[in-house]
């Protein structure tokens, strides 16, 4: 089984963009930019990271758990893993 899920490249790219955006927000604060502008940009980064996390968790459910079902893994183990990963949604 390939270790890289189909969405990992997209998620990494999103997180790299968010990282650059976050660095820009730090600069905005240091420059004394208006608080409303900074808050707006913080909100945008928060949403981007939240979406990346959601995509990552859903990908795990689709890729790992579905594959485990196909390999006839014990249902109790699958439910336990689902509960563990879904708490991050």
C-alpha atoms as a PDB file:
ATOM      1  CA  UNK A   1       0.000   0.000   0.000  1.00  0.00           C
ATOM      2  CA  UNK A   2       1.330   3.423  -0.955  1.00  0.00           C
ATOM      3  CA  UNK A   3       2.076   5.601   2.071  1.00  0.00           C
ATOM      4  CA  UNK A   4       1.023   8.794   0.278  1.00  0.00           C
ATOM      5  CA  UNK A   5      -2.709   9.236   0.042  1.00  0.00           C
ATOM      6  CA  UNK A   6      -4.151  10.870  -3.033  1.00  0.00           C
ATOM      7  CA  UNK A   7      -4.925  14.122  -1.214  1.00  0.00           C
ATOM      8  CA  UNK A   8      -1.619  14.483   0.655  1.00  0.00           C
ATOM      9  CA  UNK A   9       0.030  16.579  -2.059  1.00  0.00           C
ATOM     10  CA  UNK A  10      -2.926  18.983  -2.046  1.00  0.00           C
ATOM     11  CA  UNK A  11      -2.941  19.130   1.762  1.00  0.00           C
ATOM     12  CA  UNK A  12       0.794  19.835   1.902  1.00  0.00           C
ATOM     13  CA  UNK A  13       0.391  22.617  -0.675  1.00  0.00           C
ATOM     14  CA  UNK A  14      -2.496  24.137   1.314  1.00  0.00           C
ATOM     15  CA  UNK A  15      -0.451  24.043   4.515  1.00  0.00           C
ATOM     16  CA  UNK A  16       2.561  25.616   2.802  1.00  0.00           C
ATOM     17  CA  UNK A  17       0.323  28.445   1.554  1.00  0.00           C
ATOM     18  CA  UNK A  18      -1.132  28.847   5.051  1.00  0.00           C
ATOM     19  CA  UNK A  19       2.398  28.939   6.472  1.00  0.00           C
ATOM     20  CA  UNK A  20       3.365  31.736   4.098  1.00  0.00           C
ATOM     21  CA  UNK A  21       0.139  33.542   4.882  1.00  0.00           C
ATOM     22  CA  UNK A  22       0.777  33.193   8.615  1.00  0.00           C
ATOM     23  CA  UNK A  23       4.265  34.644   8.209  1.00  0.00           C
ATOM     24  CA  UNK A  24       2.696  37.606   6.409  1.00  0.00           C
ATOM     25  CA  UNK A  25       0.283  38.088   9.309  1.00  0.00           C
ATOM     26  CA  UNK A  26       3.208  38.268  11.727  1.00  0.00           C
ATOM     27  CA  UNK A  27       4.704  40.976   9.518  1.00  0.00           C
ATOM     28  CA  UNK A  28       1.357  42.805   9.468  1.00  0.00           C
ATOM     29  CA  UNK A  29       1.292  42.849  13.269  1.00  0.00           C
ATOM     30  CA  UNK A  30       4.897  44.042  13.433  1.00  0.00           C
ATOM     31  CA  UNK A  31       4.071  46.788  10.908  1.00  0.00           C
ATOM     32  CA  UNK A  32       1.169  47.951  13.046  1.00  0.00           C
ATOM     33  CA  UNK A  33      -1.511  47.181  10.470  1.00  0.00           C
ATOM     34  CA  UNK A  34      -5.113  47.717  11.582  1.00  0.00           C
ATOM     35  CA  UNK A  35      -6.447  45.033  13.930  1.00  0.00           C
ATOM     36  CA  UNK A  36      -9.459  44.348  11.716  1.00  0.00           C
ATOM     37  CA  UNK A  37      -7.166  43.505   8.770  1.00  0.00           C
ATOM     38  CA  UNK A  38      -5.049  41.206  10.934  1.00  0.00           C
ATOM     39  CA  UNK A  39      -8.114  39.485  12.408  1.00  0.00           C
ATOM     40  CA  UNK A  40      -9.520  38.952   8.919  1.00  0.00           C
ATOM     41  CA  UNK A  41      -6.286  37.335   7.759  1.00  0.00           C
ATOM     42  CA  UNK A  42      -6.080  35.186  10.900  1.00  0.00           C
ATOM     43  CA  UNK A  43      -9.592  33.977  10.195  1.00  0.00           C
ATOM     44  CA  UNK A  44      -8.607  33.055   6.631  1.00  0.00           C
ATOM     45  CA  UNK A  45      -5.597  31.041   7.846  1.00  0.00           C
ATOM     46  CA  UNK A  46      -7.698  29.321  10.486  1.00  0.00           C
ATOM     47  CA  UNK A  47     -10.251  28.293   7.847  1.00  0.00           C
ATOM     48  CA  UNK A  48      -7.521  27.040   5.495  1.00  0.00           C
ATOM     49  CA  UNK A  49      -5.968  24.888   8.210  1.00  0.00           C
ATOM     50  CA  UNK A  50      -9.367  23.624   9.314  1.00  0.00           C
ATOM     51  CA  UNK A  51     -10.197  22.595   5.743  1.00  0.00           C
ATOM     52  CA  UNK A  52      -6.825  20.858   5.359  1.00  0.00           C
ATOM     53  CA  UNK A  53      -7.443  18.940   8.585  1.00  0.00           C
ATOM     54  CA  UNK A  54     -10.944  17.938   7.490  1.00  0.00           C
ATOM     55  CA  UNK A  55      -9.654  16.733   4.118  1.00  0.00           C
ATOM     56  CA  UNK A  56      -6.855  14.812   5.844  1.00  0.00           C
ATOM     57  CA  UNK A  57      -9.252  13.050   8.247  1.00  0.00           C
ATOM     58  CA  UNK A  58     -11.751  12.252   5.503  1.00  0.00           C
ATOM     59  CA  UNK A  59      -8.929  10.894   3.354  1.00  0.00           C
ATOM     60  CA  UNK A  60      -7.851   8.635   6.204  1.00  0.00           C
ATOM     61  CA  UNK A  61     -11.394   7.338   6.562  1.00  0.00           C
ATOM     62  CA  UNK A  62     -11.700   6.731   2.807  1.00  0.00           C
ATOM     63  CA  UNK A  63      -8.217   5.348   2.253  1.00  0.00           C
ATOM     64  CA  UNK A  64      -7.275   3.520   5.445  1.00  0.00           C
ATOM     65  CA  UNK A  65     -10.527   2.459   7.007  1.00  0.00           C
ATOM     66  CA  UNK A  66     -12.195   1.447   3.758  1.00  0.00           C
ATOM     67  CA  UNK A  67      -9.090  -0.513   2.810  1.00  0.00           C
ATOM     68  CA  UNK A  68      -9.152  -2.173   6.211  1.00  0.00           C
ATOM     69  CA  UNK A  69     -12.751  -3.256   5.673  1.00  0.00           C
ATOM     70  CA  UNK A  70     -11.786  -4.757   2.327  1.00  0.00           C
ATOM     71  CA  UNK A  71      -8.958  -6.648   4.068  1.00  0.00           C
ATOM     72  CA  UNK A  72     -11.545  -7.891   6.602  1.00  0.00           C
ATOM     73  CA  UNK A  73      -9.941  -6.227   9.605  1.00  0.00           C
ATOM     74  CA  UNK A  74     -11.756  -6.728  12.928  1.00  0.00           C
ATOM     75  CA  UNK A  75     -14.796  -4.439  13.180  1.00  0.00           C
ATOM     76  CA  UNK A  76     -13.989  -3.450  16.767  1.00  0.00           C
ATOM     77  CA  UNK A  77     -10.557  -2.213  15.709  1.00  0.00           C
ATOM     78  CA  UNK A  78     -12.092  -0.233  12.853  1.00  0.00           C
ATOM     79  CA  UNK A  79     -14.676   1.396  15.119  1.00  0.00           C
ATOM     80  CA  UNK A  80     -11.960   2.275  17.650  1.00  0.00           C
ATOM     81  CA  UNK A  81      -9.799   3.835  14.936  1.00  0.00           C
ATOM     82  CA  UNK A  82     -12.779   5.711  13.480  1.00  0.00           C
ATOM     83  CA  UNK A  83     -13.619   7.154  16.897  1.00  0.00           C
ATOM     84  CA  UNK A  84     -10.002   8.153  17.410  1.00  0.00           C
ATOM     85  CA  UNK A  85      -9.629   9.984  14.081  1.00  0.00           C
ATOM     86  CA  UNK A  86     -13.120  11.506  14.054  1.00  0.00           C
ATOM     87  CA  UNK A  87     -12.523  13.416  17.285  1.00  0.00           C
ATOM     88  CA  UNK A  88     -10.306  15.735  15.259  1.00  0.00           C
ATOM     89  CA  UNK A  89     -13.087  16.845  12.933  1.00  0.00           C
END
